[in-house]
Amino acid sequence: MAPRELLTATLITALLGISTTATASSASEENYRKRFPAQWLERNGEIRLETVCYNYPGNSYMYRLCREQATQSLQARCSRYRALTDTYSGDTQAHYLRMAHKYCTASEHYQPLPEAEKESDVTQ
């Protein structure tokens, strides 16, 4: 592997390994995020926001925590891929532009708790 490729691979690994939180979190929350990451479904290269954290039961504590943490995860991935678009050119840059668009669009439109769930919390 050429030195430049090795440096690039190391940089990408380091960037992807950075914590996805914008604020300090407790050790237990950090461990939770590593063991139970948010999952979602995609269609045509876009994240289907209604499926974020579909891997947890709908009204569970884990689902709510996952939805809250997904906000930070989407924002972090948006920032990460935007930063990478400035580093590369050609096909690689195009790939990172697509990834940045996917995560930034999702981050802008994502709501941790959909309106229906907020209303049901108030009535209970």
PDB file of N, CA and C in Angstrom:
ATOM      1  N   MET A   1       0.851  -1.166   0.000  1.00  0.00           N
ATOM      2  CA  MET A   1       0.000   0.000   0.000  1.00  0.00           C
ATOM      3  C   MET A   1       0.904   1.238   0.000  1.00  0.00           C
ATOM      4  N   ALA A   2       0.629   2.178  -0.886  1.00  0.00           N
ATOM      5  CA  ALA A   2       1.424   3.393  -0.993  1.00  0.00           C
ATOM      6  C   ALA A   2       1.229   4.257   0.253  1.00  0.00           C
ATOM      7  N   PRO A   3       2.240   5.072   0.594  1.00  0.00           N
ATOM      8  CA  PRO A   3       2.125   5.920   1.794  1.00  0.00           C
ATOM      9  C   PRO A   3       0.893   6.808   1.781  1.00  0.00           C
ATOM     10  N   ARG A   4       0.538   7.372   0.614  1.00  0.00           N
ATOM     11  CA  ARG A   4      -0.640   8.247   0.538  1.00  0.00           C
ATOM     12  C   ARG A   4      -1.923   7.457   0.814  1.00  0.00           C
ATOM     13  N   GLU A   5      -2.010   6.251   0.244  1.00  0.00           N
ATOM     14  CA  GLU A   5      -3.192   5.417   0.471  1.00  0.00           C
ATOM     15  C   GLU A   5      -3.291   5.001   1.931  1.00  0.00           C
ATOM     16  N   LEU A   6      -2.151   4.692   2.535  1.00  0.00           N
ATOM     17  CA  LEU A   6      -2.135   4.319   3.944  1.00  0.00           C
ATOM     18  C   LEU A   6      -2.580   5.491   4.810  1.00  0.00           C
ATOM     19  N   LEU A   7      -2.088   6.680   4.493  1.00  0.00           N
ATOM     20  CA  LEU A   7      -2.488   7.880   5.232  1.00  0.00           C
ATOM     21  C   LEU A   7      -3.980   8.139   5.070  1.00  0.00           C
ATOM     22  N   THR A   8      -4.482   7.981   3.854  1.00  0.00           N
ATOM     23  CA  THR A   8      -5.908   8.179   3.588  1.00  0.00           C
ATOM     24  C   THR A   8      -6.748   7.175   4.360  1.00  0.00           C
ATOM     25  N   ALA A   9      -6.346   5.914   4.332  1.00  0.00           N
ATOM     26  CA  ALA A   9      -7.095   4.876   5.052  1.00  0.00           C
ATOM     27  C   ALA A   9      -7.075   5.141   6.551  1.00  0.00           C
ATOM     28  N   THR A  10      -5.937   5.583   7.066  1.00  0.00           N
ATOM     29  CA  THR A  10      -5.831   5.894   8.499  1.00  0.00           C
ATOM     30  C   THR A  10      -6.726   7.063   8.860  1.00  0.00           C
ATOM     31  N   LEU A  11      -6.739   8.111   8.019  1.00  0.00           N
ATOM     32  CA  LEU A  11      -7.578   9.288   8.266  1.00  0.00           C
ATOM     33  C   LEU A  11      -9.051   8.919   8.267  1.00  0.00           C
ATOM     34  N   ILE A  12      -9.466   8.144   7.300  1.00  0.00           N
ATOM     35  CA  ILE A  12     -10.874   7.741   7.219  1.00  0.00           C
ATOM     36  C   ILE A  12     -11.259   6.908   8.433  1.00  0.00           C
ATOM     37  N   THR A  13     -10.402   5.970   8.808  1.00  0.00           N
ATOM     38  CA  THR A  13     -10.680   5.146   9.987  1.00  0.00           C
ATOM     39  C   THR A  13     -10.798   6.006  11.228  1.00  0.00           C
ATOM     40  N   ALA A  14      -9.903   6.980  11.361  1.00  0.00           N
ATOM     41  CA  ALA A  14      -9.947   7.866  12.531  1.00  0.00           C
ATOM     42  C   ALA A  14     -11.202   8.705  12.524  1.00  0.00           C
ATOM     43  N   LEU A  15     -11.582   9.246  11.361  1.00  0.00           N
ATOM     44  CA  LEU A  15     -12.778  10.079  11.282  1.00  0.00           C
ATOM     45  C   LEU A  15     -14.036   9.281  11.596  1.00  0.00           C
ATOM     46  N   LEU A  16     -14.101   8.058  11.105  1.00  0.00           N
ATOM     47  CA  LEU A  16     -15.280   7.240  11.350  1.00  0.00           C
ATOM     48  C   LEU A  16     -15.334   6.741  12.782  1.00  0.00           C
ATOM     49  N   GLY A  17     -14.200   6.709  13.462  1.00  0.00           N
ATOM     50  CA  GLY A  17     -14.155   6.244  14.836  1.00  0.00           C
ATOM     51  C   GLY A  17     -14.427   7.324  15.859  1.00  0.00           C
ATOM     52  N   ILE A  18     -14.504   8.572  15.408  1.00  0.00           N
ATOM     53  CA  ILE A  18     -14.756   9.681  16.338  1.00  0.00           C
ATOM     54  C   ILE A  18     -16.150   9.525  16.926  1.00  0.00           C
ATOM     55  N   SER A  19     -16.289   9.876  18.177  1.00  0.00           N
ATOM     56  CA  SER A  19     -17.581   9.801  18.845  1.00  0.00           C
ATOM     57  C   SER A  19     -18.617  10.604  18.086  1.00  0.00           C
ATOM     58  N   THR A  20     -19.846  10.109  18.044  1.00  0.00           N
ATOM     59  CA  THR A  20     -20.901  10.767  17.293  1.00  0.00           C
ATOM     60  C   THR A  20     -21.665  11.786  18.111  1.00  0.00           C
ATOM     61  N   THR A  21     -21.214  12.081  19.294  1.00  0.00           N
ATOM     62  CA  THR A  21     -21.935  13.034  20.117  1.00  0.00           C
ATOM     63  C   THR A  21     -21.300  14.398  20.038  1.00  0.00           C
ATOM     64  N   ALA A  22     -22.149  15.432  20.080  1.00  0.00           N
ATOM     65  CA  ALA A  22     -21.658  16.800  20.056  1.00  0.00           C
ATOM     66  C   ALA A  22     -21.362  17.272  21.473  1.00  0.00           C
ATOM     67  N   THR A  23     -21.972  16.629  22.448  1.00  0.00           N
ATOM     68  CA  THR A  23     -21.752  17.003  23.840  1.00  0.00           C
ATOM     69  C   THR A  23     -21.219  15.802  24.590  1.00  0.00           C
ATOM     70  N   ALA A  24     -20.643  16.055  25.733  1.00  0.00           N
ATOM     71  CA  ALA A  24     -20.126  14.956  26.552  1.00  0.00           C
ATOM     72  C   ALA A  24     -21.287  14.103  27.040  1.00  0.00           C
ATOM     73  N   SER A  25     -21.073  12.806  27.059  1.00  0.00           N
ATOM     74  CA  SER A  25     -22.118  11.914  27.542  1.00  0.00           C
ATOM     75  C   SER A  25     -21.517  10.985  28.589  1.00  0.00           C
ATOM     76  N   SER A  26     -22.386  10.393  29.370  1.00  0.00           N
ATOM     77  CA  SER A  26     -21.899   9.495  30.412  1.00  0.00           C
ATOM     78  C   SER A  26     -21.357   8.219  29.778  1.00  0.00           C
ATOM     79  N   ALA A  27     -20.557   7.508  30.522  1.00  0.00           N
ATOM     80  CA  ALA A  27     -19.956   6.269  30.018  1.00  0.00           C
ATOM     81  C   ALA A  27     -21.026   5.245  29.674  1.00  0.00           C
ATOM     82  N   SER A  28     -22.094   5.189  30.466  1.00  0.00           N
ATOM     83  CA  SER A  28     -23.144   4.205  30.182  1.00  0.00           C
ATOM     84  C   SER A  28     -23.857   4.521  28.875  1.00  0.00           C
ATOM     85  N   GLU A  29     -24.104   5.791  28.588  1.00  0.00           N
ATOM     86  CA  GLU A  29     -24.726   6.147  27.314  1.00  0.00           C
ATOM     87  C   GLU A  29     -23.806   5.805  26.149  1.00  0.00           C
ATOM     88  N   GLU A  30     -22.513   6.040  26.313  1.00  0.00           N
ATOM     89  CA  GLU A  30     -21.545   5.731  25.263  1.00  0.00           C
ATOM     90  C   GLU A  30     -21.518   4.224  25.009  1.00  0.00           C
ATOM     91  N   ASN A  31     -21.525   3.421  26.061  1.00  0.00           N
ATOM     92  CA  ASN A  31     -21.550   1.974  25.902  1.00  0.00           C
ATOM     93  C   ASN A  31     -22.838   1.520  25.234  1.00  0.00           C
ATOM     94  N   TYR A  32     -23.957   2.144  25.609  1.00  0.00           N
ATOM     95  CA  TYR A  32     -25.241   1.790  24.998  1.00  0.00           C
ATOM     96  C   TYR A  32     -25.178   2.033  23.493  1.00  0.00           C
ATOM     97  N   ARG A  33     -24.662   3.201  23.098  1.00  0.00           N
ATOM     98  CA  ARG A  33     -24.621   3.567  21.686  1.00  0.00           C
ATOM     99  C   ARG A  33     -23.764   2.575  20.898  1.00  0.00           C
ATOM    100  N   LYS A  34     -22.683   2.104  21.483  1.00  0.00           N
ATOM    101  CA  LYS A  34     -21.809   1.164  20.789  1.00  0.00           C
ATOM    102  C   LYS A  34     -22.466  -0.210  20.655  1.00  0.00           C
ATOM    103  N   ARG A  35     -23.202  -0.627  21.669  1.00  0.00           N
ATOM    104  CA  ARG A  35     -23.819  -1.956  21.643  1.00  0.00           C
ATOM    105  C   ARG A  35     -25.130  -1.971  20.880  1.00  0.00           C
ATOM    106  N   PHE A  36     -25.862  -0.872  20.899  1.00  0.00           N
ATOM    107  CA  PHE A  36     -27.189  -0.818  20.292  1.00  0.00           C
ATOM    108  C   PHE A  36     -27.304   0.381  19.351  1.00  0.00           C
ATOM    109  N   PRO A  37     -26.613   0.356  18.223  1.00  0.00           N
ATOM    110  CA  PRO A  37     -26.668   1.511  17.322  1.00  0.00           C
ATOM    111  C   PRO A  37     -28.029   1.631  16.649  1.00  0.00           C
ATOM    112  N   ALA A  38     -28.344   2.857  16.256  1.00  0.00           N
ATOM    113  CA  ALA A  38     -29.589   3.092  15.522  1.00  0.00           C
ATOM    114  C   ALA A  38     -29.485   2.422  14.157  1.00  0.00           C
ATOM    115  N   GLN A  39     -30.567   1.823  13.747  1.00  0.00           N
ATOM    116  CA  GLN A  39     -30.648   1.240  12.413  1.00  0.00           C
ATOM    117  C   GLN A  39     -31.819   1.884  11.695  1.00  0.00           C
ATOM    118  N   TRP A  40     -31.733   1.952  10.374  1.00  0.00           N
ATOM    119  CA  TRP A  40     -32.811   2.502   9.579  1.00  0.00           C
ATOM    120  C   TRP A  40     -32.793   1.848   8.216  1.00  0.00           C
ATOM    121  N   LEU A  41     -33.839   2.078   7.480  1.00  0.00           N
ATOM    122  CA  LEU A  41     -33.943   1.563   6.123  1.00  0.00           C
ATOM    123  C   LEU A  41     -33.745   2.719   5.155  1.00  0.00           C
ATOM    124  N   GLU A  42     -33.274   2.383   3.963  1.00  0.00           N
ATOM    125  CA  GLU A  42     -33.057   3.396   2.936  1.00  0.00           C
ATOM    126  C   GLU A  42     -33.812   3.010   1.672  1.00  0.00           C
ATOM    127  N   ARG A  43     -34.162   4.041   0.913  1.00  0.00           N
ATOM    128  CA  ARG A  43     -34.802   3.836  -0.381  1.00  0.00           C
ATOM    129  C   ARG A  43     -34.202   4.851  -1.342  1.00  0.00           C
ATOM    130  N   ASN A  44     -33.705   4.393  -2.455  1.00  0.00           N
ATOM    131  CA  ASN A  44     -33.110   5.259  -3.479  1.00  0.00           C
ATOM    132  C   ASN A  44     -32.054   6.189  -2.907  1.00  0.00           C
ATOM    133  N   GLY A  45     -31.227   5.676  -2.024  1.00  0.00           N
ATOM    134  CA  GLY A  45     -30.134   6.460  -1.474  1.00  0.00           C
ATOM    135  C   GLY A  45     -30.539   7.479  -0.425  1.00  0.00           C
ATOM    136  N   GLU A  46     -31.773   7.402   0.063  1.00  0.00           N
ATOM    137  CA  GLU A  46     -32.236   8.324   1.103  1.00  0.00           C
ATOM    138  C   GLU A  46     -32.686   7.525   2.315  1.00  0.00           C
ATOM    139  N   ILE A  47     -32.423   8.081   3.489  1.00  0.00           N
ATOM    140  CA  ILE A  47     -32.824   7.434   4.740  1.00  0.00           C
ATOM    141  C   ILE A  47     -34.319   7.641   4.943  1.00  0.00           C
ATOM    142  N   ARG A  48     -35.028   6.558   5.174  1.00  0.00           N
ATOM    143  CA  ARG A  48     -36.464   6.647   5.473  1.00  0.00           C
ATOM    144  C   ARG A  48     -36.597   6.975   6.960  1.00  0.00           C
ATOM    145  N   LEU A  49     -36.864   8.230   7.258  1.00  0.00           N
ATOM    146  CA  LEU A  49     -36.833   8.729   8.630  1.00  0.00           C
ATOM    147  C   LEU A  49     -37.817   8.018   9.552  1.00  0.00           C
ATOM    148  N   GLU A  50     -38.920   7.546   9.010  1.00  0.00           N
ATOM    149  CA  GLU A  50     -39.901   6.857   9.850  1.00  0.00           C
ATOM    150  C   GLU A  50     -39.399   5.491  10.322  1.00  0.00           C
ATOM    151  N   THR A  51     -38.294   5.013   9.742  1.00  0.00           N
ATOM    152  CA  THR A  51     -37.763   3.700  10.130  1.00  0.00           C
ATOM    153  C   THR A  51     -36.577   3.789  11.090  1.00  0.00           C
ATOM    154  N   VAL A  52     -36.153   4.999  11.455  1.00  0.00           N
ATOM    155  CA  VAL A  52     -35.005   5.137  12.358  1.00  0.00           C
ATOM    156  C   VAL A  52     -35.324   4.423  13.668  1.00  0.00           C
ATOM    157  N   CYS A  53     -34.453   3.546  14.081  1.00  0.00           N
ATOM    158  CA  CYS A  53     -34.573   2.735  15.303  1.00  0.00           C
ATOM    159  C   CYS A  53     -35.680   1.682  15.205  1.00  0.00           C
ATOM    160  N   TYR A  54     -35.966   1.230  14.006  1.00  0.00           N
ATOM    161  CA  TYR A  54     -36.981   0.194  13.819  1.00  0.00           C
ATOM    162  C   TYR A  54     -36.600  -1.102  14.524  1.00  0.00           C
ATOM    163  N   ASN A  55     -35.347  -1.220  14.924  1.00  0.00           N
ATOM    164  CA  ASN A  55     -34.862  -2.442  15.558  1.00  0.00           C
ATOM    165  C   ASN A  55     -35.214  -2.523  17.043  1.00  0.00           C
ATOM    166  N   TYR A  56     -35.998  -1.577  17.560  1.00  0.00           N
ATOM    167  CA  TYR A  56     -36.439  -1.593  18.962  1.00  0.00           C
ATOM    168  C   TYR A  56     -37.961  -1.526  19.021  1.00  0.00           C
ATOM    169  N   PRO A  57     -38.557  -2.088  20.069  1.00  0.00           N
ATOM    170  CA  PRO A  57     -40.013  -1.997  20.225  1.00  0.00           C
ATOM    171  C   PRO A  57     -40.450  -0.534  20.307  1.00  0.00           C
ATOM    172  N   GLY A  58     -41.539  -0.211  19.630  1.00  0.00           N
ATOM    173  CA  GLY A  58     -42.003   1.159  19.456  1.00  0.00           C
ATOM    174  C   GLY A  58     -42.080   2.069  20.661  1.00  0.00           C
ATOM    175  N   ASN A  59     -42.619   1.631  21.764  1.00  0.00           N
ATOM    176  CA  ASN A  59     -42.775   2.522  22.912  1.00  0.00           C
ATOM    177  C   ASN A  59     -41.819   2.180  24.052  1.00  0.00           C
ATOM    178  N   SER A  60     -40.722   1.533  23.723  1.00  0.00           N
ATOM    179  CA  SER A  60     -39.771   1.133  24.765  1.00  0.00           C
ATOM    180  C   SER A  60     -38.808   2.267  25.094  1.00  0.00           C
ATOM    181  N   TYR A  61     -38.177   2.155  26.249  1.00  0.00           N
ATOM    182  CA  TYR A  61     -37.152   3.110  26.665  1.00  0.00           C
ATOM    183  C   TYR A  61     -35.993   3.098  25.673  1.00  0.00           C
ATOM    184  N   MET A  62     -35.603   1.920  25.230  1.00  0.00           N
ATOM    185  CA  MET A  62     -34.487   1.800  24.288  1.00  0.00           C
ATOM    186  C   MET A  62     -34.805   2.507  22.973  1.00  0.00           C
ATOM    187  N   TYR A  63     -36.055   2.410  22.520  1.00  0.00           N
ATOM    188  CA  TYR A  63     -36.467   3.069  21.281  1.00  0.00           C
ATOM    189  C   TYR A  63     -36.345   4.588  21.427  1.00  0.00           C
ATOM    190  N   ARG A  64     -36.835   5.122  22.533  1.00  0.00           N
ATOM    191  CA  ARG A  64     -36.771   6.570  22.746  1.00  0.00           C
ATOM    192  C   ARG A  64     -35.327   7.056  22.853  1.00  0.00           C
ATOM    193  N   LEU A  65     -34.498   6.316  23.567  1.00  0.00           N
ATOM    194  CA  LEU A  65     -33.094   6.678  23.701  1.00  0.00           C
ATOM    195  C   LEU A  65     -32.397   6.594  22.346  1.00  0.00           C
ATOM    196  N   CYS A  66     -32.678   5.570  21.608  1.00  0.00           N
ATOM    197  CA  CYS A  66     -32.117   5.400  20.275  1.00  0.00           C
ATOM    198  C   CYS A  66     -32.501   6.571  19.379  1.00  0.00           C
ATOM    199  N   ARG A  67     -33.774   6.980  19.405  1.00  0.00           N
ATOM    200  CA  ARG A  67     -34.241   8.090  18.569  1.00  0.00           C
ATOM    201  C   ARG A  67     -33.528   9.385  18.932  1.00  0.00           C
ATOM    202  N   GLU A  68     -33.320   9.614  20.226  1.00  0.00           N
ATOM    203  CA  GLU A  68     -32.612  10.817  20.653  1.00  0.00           C
ATOM    204  C   GLU A  68     -31.159  10.783  20.182  1.00  0.00           C
ATOM    205  N   GLN A  69     -30.514   9.652  20.333  1.00  0.00           N
ATOM    206  CA  GLN A  69     -29.107   9.533  19.946  1.00  0.00           C
ATOM    207  C   GLN A  69     -28.932   9.540  18.430  1.00  0.00           C
ATOM    208  N   ALA A  70     -29.953   9.143  17.692  1.00  0.00           N
ATOM    209  CA  ALA A  70     -29.869   9.147  16.231  1.00  0.00           C
ATOM    210  C   ALA A  70     -29.684  10.569  15.708  1.00  0.00           C
ATOM    211  N   THR A  71     -30.238  11.551  16.401  1.00  0.00           N
ATOM    212  CA  THR A  71     -30.063  12.947  16.014  1.00  0.00           C
ATOM    213  C   THR A  71     -28.580  13.284  15.944  1.00  0.00           C
ATOM    214  N   GLN A  72     -27.859  12.939  16.993  1.00  0.00           N
ATOM    215  CA  GLN A  72     -26.426  13.222  17.057  1.00  0.00           C
ATOM    216  C   GLN A  72     -25.656  12.417  16.016  1.00  0.00           C
ATOM    217  N   SER A  73     -26.057  11.188  15.807  1.00  0.00           N
ATOM    218  CA  SER A  73     -25.375  10.328  14.846  1.00  0.00           C
ATOM    219  C   SER A  73     -25.520  10.871  13.424  1.00  0.00           C
ATOM    220  N   LEU A  74     -26.719  11.286  13.059  1.00  0.00           N
ATOM    221  CA  LEU A  74     -26.944  11.827  11.716  1.00  0.00           C
ATOM    222  C   LEU A  74     -26.163  13.121  11.512  1.00  0.00           C
ATOM    223  N   GLN A  75     -26.161  13.984  12.521  1.00  0.00           N
ATOM    224  CA  GLN A  75     -25.413  15.241  12.423  1.00  0.00           C
ATOM    225  C   GLN A  75     -23.915  14.985  12.290  1.00  0.00           C
ATOM    226  N   ALA A  76     -23.401  14.046  13.063  1.00  0.00           N
ATOM    227  CA  ALA A  76     -21.970  13.735  13.015  1.00  0.00           C
ATOM    228  C   ALA A  76     -21.571  13.163  11.654  1.00  0.00           C
ATOM    229  N   ARG A  77     -22.388  12.286  11.120  1.00  0.00           N
ATOM    230  CA  ARG A  77     -22.073  11.711   9.815  1.00  0.00           C
ATOM    231  C   ARG A  77     -22.144  12.771   8.722  1.00  0.00           C
ATOM    232  N   CYS A  78     -23.100  13.676   8.827  1.00  0.00           N
ATOM    233  CA  CYS A  78     -23.207  14.788   7.883  1.00  0.00           C
ATOM    234  C   CYS A  78     -21.908  15.595   7.896  1.00  0.00           C
ATOM    235  N   SER A  79     -21.469  15.978   9.075  1.00  0.00           N
ATOM    236  CA  SER A  79     -20.241  16.775   9.206  1.00  0.00           C
ATOM    237  C   SER A  79     -19.025  16.022   8.682  1.00  0.00           C
ATOM    238  N   ARG A  80     -18.946  14.747   9.021  1.00  0.00           N
ATOM    239  CA  ARG A  80     -17.808  13.925   8.613  1.00  0.00           C
ATOM    240  C   ARG A  80     -17.695  13.845   7.100  1.00  0.00           C
ATOM    241  N   TYR A  81     -18.821  13.540   6.430  1.00  0.00           N
ATOM    242  CA  TYR A  81     -18.771  13.387   4.977  1.00  0.00           C
ATOM    243  C   TYR A  81     -18.586  14.726   4.275  1.00  0.00           C
ATOM    244  N   ARG A  82     -19.139  15.803   4.825  1.00  0.00           N
ATOM    245  CA  ARG A  82     -18.886  17.134   4.243  1.00  0.00           C
ATOM    246  C   ARG A  82     -17.397  17.449   4.285  1.00  0.00           C
ATOM    247  N   ALA A  83     -16.756  17.137   5.398  1.00  0.00           N
ATOM    248  CA  ALA A  83     -15.320  17.401   5.529  1.00  0.00           C
ATOM    249  C   ALA A  83     -14.519  16.587   4.523  1.00  0.00           C
ATOM    250  N   LEU A  84     -14.933  15.369   4.274  1.00  0.00           N
ATOM    251  CA  LEU A  84     -14.204  14.511   3.336  1.00  0.00           C
ATOM    252  C   LEU A  84     -14.345  14.969   1.888  1.00  0.00           C
ATOM    253  N   THR A  85     -15.428  15.681   1.563  1.00  0.00           N
ATOM    254  CA  THR A  85     -15.602  16.136   0.180  1.00  0.00           C
ATOM    255  C   THR A  85     -14.540  17.152  -0.206  1.00  0.00           C
ATOM    256  N   ASP A  86     -13.999  17.874   0.769  1.00  0.00           N
ATOM    257  CA  ASP A  86     -12.956  18.859   0.488  1.00  0.00           C
ATOM    258  C   ASP A  86     -11.590  18.215   0.295  1.00  0.00           C
ATOM    259  N   THR A  87     -11.447  16.974   0.715  1.00  0.00           N
ATOM    260  CA  THR A  87     -10.154  16.291   0.690  1.00  0.00           C
ATOM    261  C   THR A  87      -9.908  15.566  -0.627  1.00  0.00           C
ATOM    262  N   TYR A  88     -10.965  15.175  -1.316  1.00  0.00           N
ATOM    263  CA  TYR A  88     -10.836  14.315  -2.495  1.00  0.00           C
ATOM    264  C   TYR A  88     -11.366  14.995  -3.748  1.00  0.00           C
ATOM    265  N   SER A  89     -11.122  14.347  -4.871  1.00  0.00           N
ATOM    266  CA  SER A  89     -11.664  14.804  -6.149  1.00  0.00           C
ATOM    267  C   SER A  89     -12.132  13.581  -6.933  1.00  0.00           C
ATOM    268  N   GLY A  90     -12.760  13.822  -8.034  1.00  0.00           N
ATOM    269  CA  GLY A  90     -13.186  12.744  -8.918  1.00  0.00           C
ATOM    270  C   GLY A  90     -14.274  11.868  -8.332  1.00  0.00           C
ATOM    271  N   ASP A  91     -14.169  10.547  -8.597  1.00  0.00           N
ATOM    272  CA  ASP A  91     -15.185   9.595  -8.152  1.00  0.00           C
ATOM    273  C   ASP A  91     -15.293   9.529  -6.633  1.00  0.00           C
ATOM    274  N   THR A  92     -14.155   9.635  -5.957  1.00  0.00           N
ATOM    275  CA  THR A  92     -14.176   9.563  -4.499  1.00  0.00           C
ATOM    276  C   THR A  92     -14.924  10.757  -3.927  1.00  0.00           C
ATOM    277  N   GLN A  93     -14.678  11.932  -4.470  1.00  0.00           N
ATOM    278  CA  GLN A  93     -15.387  13.120  -4.012  1.00  0.00           C
ATOM    279  C   GLN A  93     -16.882  12.985  -4.300  1.00  0.00           C
ATOM    280  N   ALA A  94     -17.229  12.455  -5.463  1.00  0.00           N
ATOM    281  CA  ALA A  94     -18.639  12.261  -5.805  1.00  0.00           C
ATOM    282  C   ALA A  94     -19.318  11.322  -4.805  1.00  0.00           C
ATOM    283  N   HIS A  95     -18.601  10.268  -4.411  1.00  0.00           N
ATOM    284  CA  HIS A  95     -19.151   9.341  -3.417  1.00  0.00           C
ATOM    285  C   HIS A  95     -19.427  10.060  -2.101  1.00  0.00           C
ATOM    286  N   TYR A  96     -18.426  10.842  -1.628  1.00  0.00           N
ATOM    287  CA  TYR A  96     -18.605  11.548  -0.360  1.00  0.00           C
ATOM    288  C   TYR A  96     -19.668  12.637  -0.464  1.00  0.00           C
ATOM    289  N   LEU A  97     -19.829  13.238  -1.626  1.00  0.00           N
ATOM    290  CA  LEU A  97     -20.907  14.218  -1.808  1.00  0.00           C
ATOM    291  C   LEU A  97     -22.273  13.552  -1.672  1.00  0.00           C
ATOM    292  N   ARG A  98     -22.414  12.341  -2.252  1.00  0.00           N
ATOM    293  CA  ARG A  98     -23.680  11.607  -2.122  1.00  0.00           C
ATOM    294  C   ARG A  98     -23.951  11.244  -0.666  1.00  0.00           C
ATOM    295  N   MET A  99     -22.903  10.779   0.017  1.00  0.00           N
ATOM    296  CA  MET A  99     -23.069  10.405   1.426  1.00  0.00           C
ATOM    297  C   MET A  99     -23.412  11.635   2.273  1.00  0.00           C
ATOM    298  N   ALA A 100     -22.731  12.748   2.031  1.00  0.00           N
ATOM    299  CA  ALA A 100     -23.012  13.975   2.771  1.00  0.00           C
ATOM    300  C   ALA A 100     -24.450  14.412   2.527  1.00  0.00           C
ATOM    301  N   HIS A 101     -24.885  14.352   1.281  1.00  0.00           N
ATOM    302  CA  HIS A 101     -26.265  14.739   0.962  1.00  0.00           C
ATOM    303  C   HIS A 101     -27.267  13.853   1.705  1.00  0.00           C
ATOM    304  N   LYS A 102     -27.018  12.552   1.708  1.00  0.00           N
ATOM    305  CA  LYS A 102     -27.935  11.620   2.375  1.00  0.00           C
ATOM    306  C   LYS A 102     -28.056  11.931   3.862  1.00  0.00           C
ATOM    307  N   TYR A 103     -26.920  12.058   4.544  1.00  0.00           N
ATOM    308  CA  TYR A 103     -26.959  12.262   5.988  1.00  0.00           C
ATOM    309  C   TYR A 103     -27.363  13.679   6.371  1.00  0.00           C
ATOM    310  N   CYS A 104     -26.966  14.668   5.598  1.00  0.00           N
ATOM    311  CA  CYS A 104     -27.337  16.054   5.918  1.00  0.00           C
ATOM    312  C   CYS A 104     -28.834  16.277   5.702  1.00  0.00           C
ATOM    313  N   THR A 105     -29.370  15.710   4.636  1.00  0.00           N
ATOM    314  CA  THR A 105     -30.812  15.823   4.389  1.00  0.00           C
ATOM    315  C   THR A 105     -31.589  15.135   5.502  1.00  0.00           C
ATOM    316  N   ALA A 106     -31.160  13.950   5.882  1.00  0.00           N
ATOM    317  CA  ALA A 106     -31.827  13.226   6.968  1.00  0.00           C
ATOM    318  C   ALA A 106     -31.731  14.014   8.267  1.00  0.00           C
ATOM    319  N   SER A 107     -30.578  14.572   8.554  1.00  0.00           N
ATOM    320  CA  SER A 107     -30.373  15.338   9.781  1.00  0.00           C
ATOM    321  C   SER A 107     -31.281  16.560   9.834  1.00  0.00           C
ATOM    322  N   GLU A 108     -31.452  17.227   8.715  1.00  0.00           N
ATOM    323  CA  GLU A 108     -32.291  18.429   8.660  1.00  0.00           C
ATOM    324  C   GLU A 108     -33.766  18.122   8.891  1.00  0.00           C
ATOM    325  N   HIS A 109     -34.222  16.979   8.434  1.00  0.00           N
ATOM    326  CA  HIS A 109     -35.654  16.663   8.495  1.00  0.00           C
ATOM    327  C   HIS A 109     -36.034  15.707   9.624  1.00  0.00           C
ATOM    328  N   TYR A 110     -35.058  15.171  10.302  1.00  0.00           N
ATOM    329  CA  TYR A 110     -35.315  14.164  11.335  1.00  0.00           C
ATOM    330  C   TYR A 110     -35.892  14.788  12.602  1.00  0.00           C
ATOM    331  N   GLN A 111     -36.904  14.148  13.157  1.00  0.00           N
ATOM    332  CA  GLN A 111     -37.486  14.523  14.444  1.00  0.00           C
ATOM    333  C   GLN A 111     -37.363  13.314  15.359  1.00  0.00           C
ATOM    334  N   PRO A 112     -36.713  13.469  16.524  1.00  0.00           N
ATOM    335  CA  PRO A 112     -36.505  12.321  17.413  1.00  0.00           C
ATOM    336  C   PRO A 112     -37.796  11.587  17.768  1.00  0.00           C
ATOM    337  N   LEU A 113     -38.838  12.321  18.078  1.00  0.00           N
ATOM    338  CA  LEU A 113     -40.125  11.693  18.354  1.00  0.00           C
ATOM    339  C   LEU A 113     -41.170  12.284  17.430  1.00  0.00           C
ATOM    340  N   PRO A 114     -41.714  11.462  16.533  1.00  0.00           N
ATOM    341  CA  PRO A 114     -42.755  11.966  15.630  1.00  0.00           C
ATOM    342  C   PRO A 114     -43.917  12.568  16.407  1.00  0.00           C
ATOM    343  N   GLU A 115     -44.641  13.468  15.779  1.00  0.00           N
ATOM    344  CA  GLU A 115     -45.735  14.190  16.426  1.00  0.00           C
ATOM    345  C   GLU A 115     -46.760  13.257  17.077  1.00  0.00           C
ATOM    346  N   ALA A 116     -47.091  12.151  16.431  1.00  0.00           N
ATOM    347  CA  ALA A 116     -48.074  11.219  16.993  1.00  0.00           C
ATOM    348  C   ALA A 116     -47.606  10.667  18.337  1.00  0.00           C
ATOM    349  N   GLU A 117     -46.306  10.381  18.455  1.00  0.00           N
ATOM    350  CA  GLU A 117     -45.787   9.844  19.701  1.00  0.00           C
ATOM    351  C   GLU A 117     -45.748  10.920  20.787  1.00  0.00           C
ATOM    352  N   LYS A 118     -45.457  12.174  20.422  1.00  0.00           N
ATOM    353  CA  LYS A 118     -45.443  13.255  21.397  1.00  0.00           C
ATOM    354  C   LYS A 118     -46.833  13.456  21.979  1.00  0.00           C
ATOM    355  N   GLU A 119     -47.846  13.414  21.097  1.00  0.00           N
ATOM    356  CA  GLU A 119     -49.226  13.601  21.562  1.00  0.00           C
ATOM    357  C   GLU A 119     -49.660  12.466  22.467  1.00  0.00           C
ATOM    358  N   SER A 120     -49.265  11.230  22.159  1.00  0.00           N
ATOM    359  CA  SER A 120     -49.673  10.109  23.019  1.00  0.00           C
ATOM    360  C   SER A 120     -49.017  10.197  24.382  1.00  0.00           C
ATOM    361  N   ASP A 121     -47.810  10.766  24.461  1.00  0.00           N
ATOM    362  CA  ASP A 121     -47.153  10.942  25.756  1.00  0.00           C
ATOM    363  C   ASP A 121     -47.922  11.933  26.627  1.00  0.00           C
ATOM    364  N   VAL A 122     -48.471  12.965  26.025  1.00  0.00           N
ATOM    365  CA  VAL A 122     -49.190  14.000  26.766  1.00  0.00           C
ATOM    366  C   VAL A 122     -50.502  13.450  27.325  1.00  0.00           C
ATOM    367  N   THR A 123     -51.174  12.578  26.577  1.00  0.00           N
ATOM    368  CA  THR A 123     -52.471  12.072  27.008  1.00  0.00           C
ATOM    369  C   THR A 123     -52.369  10.962  28.034  1.00  0.00           C
ATOM    370  N   GLN A 124     -51.187  10.377  28.186  1.00  0.00           N
ATOM    371  CA  GLN A 124     -51.065   9.245  29.122  1.00  0.00           C
ATOM    372  C   GLN A 124     -50.908   9.707  30.533  1.00  0.00           C
TER     373      GLN A 124
END
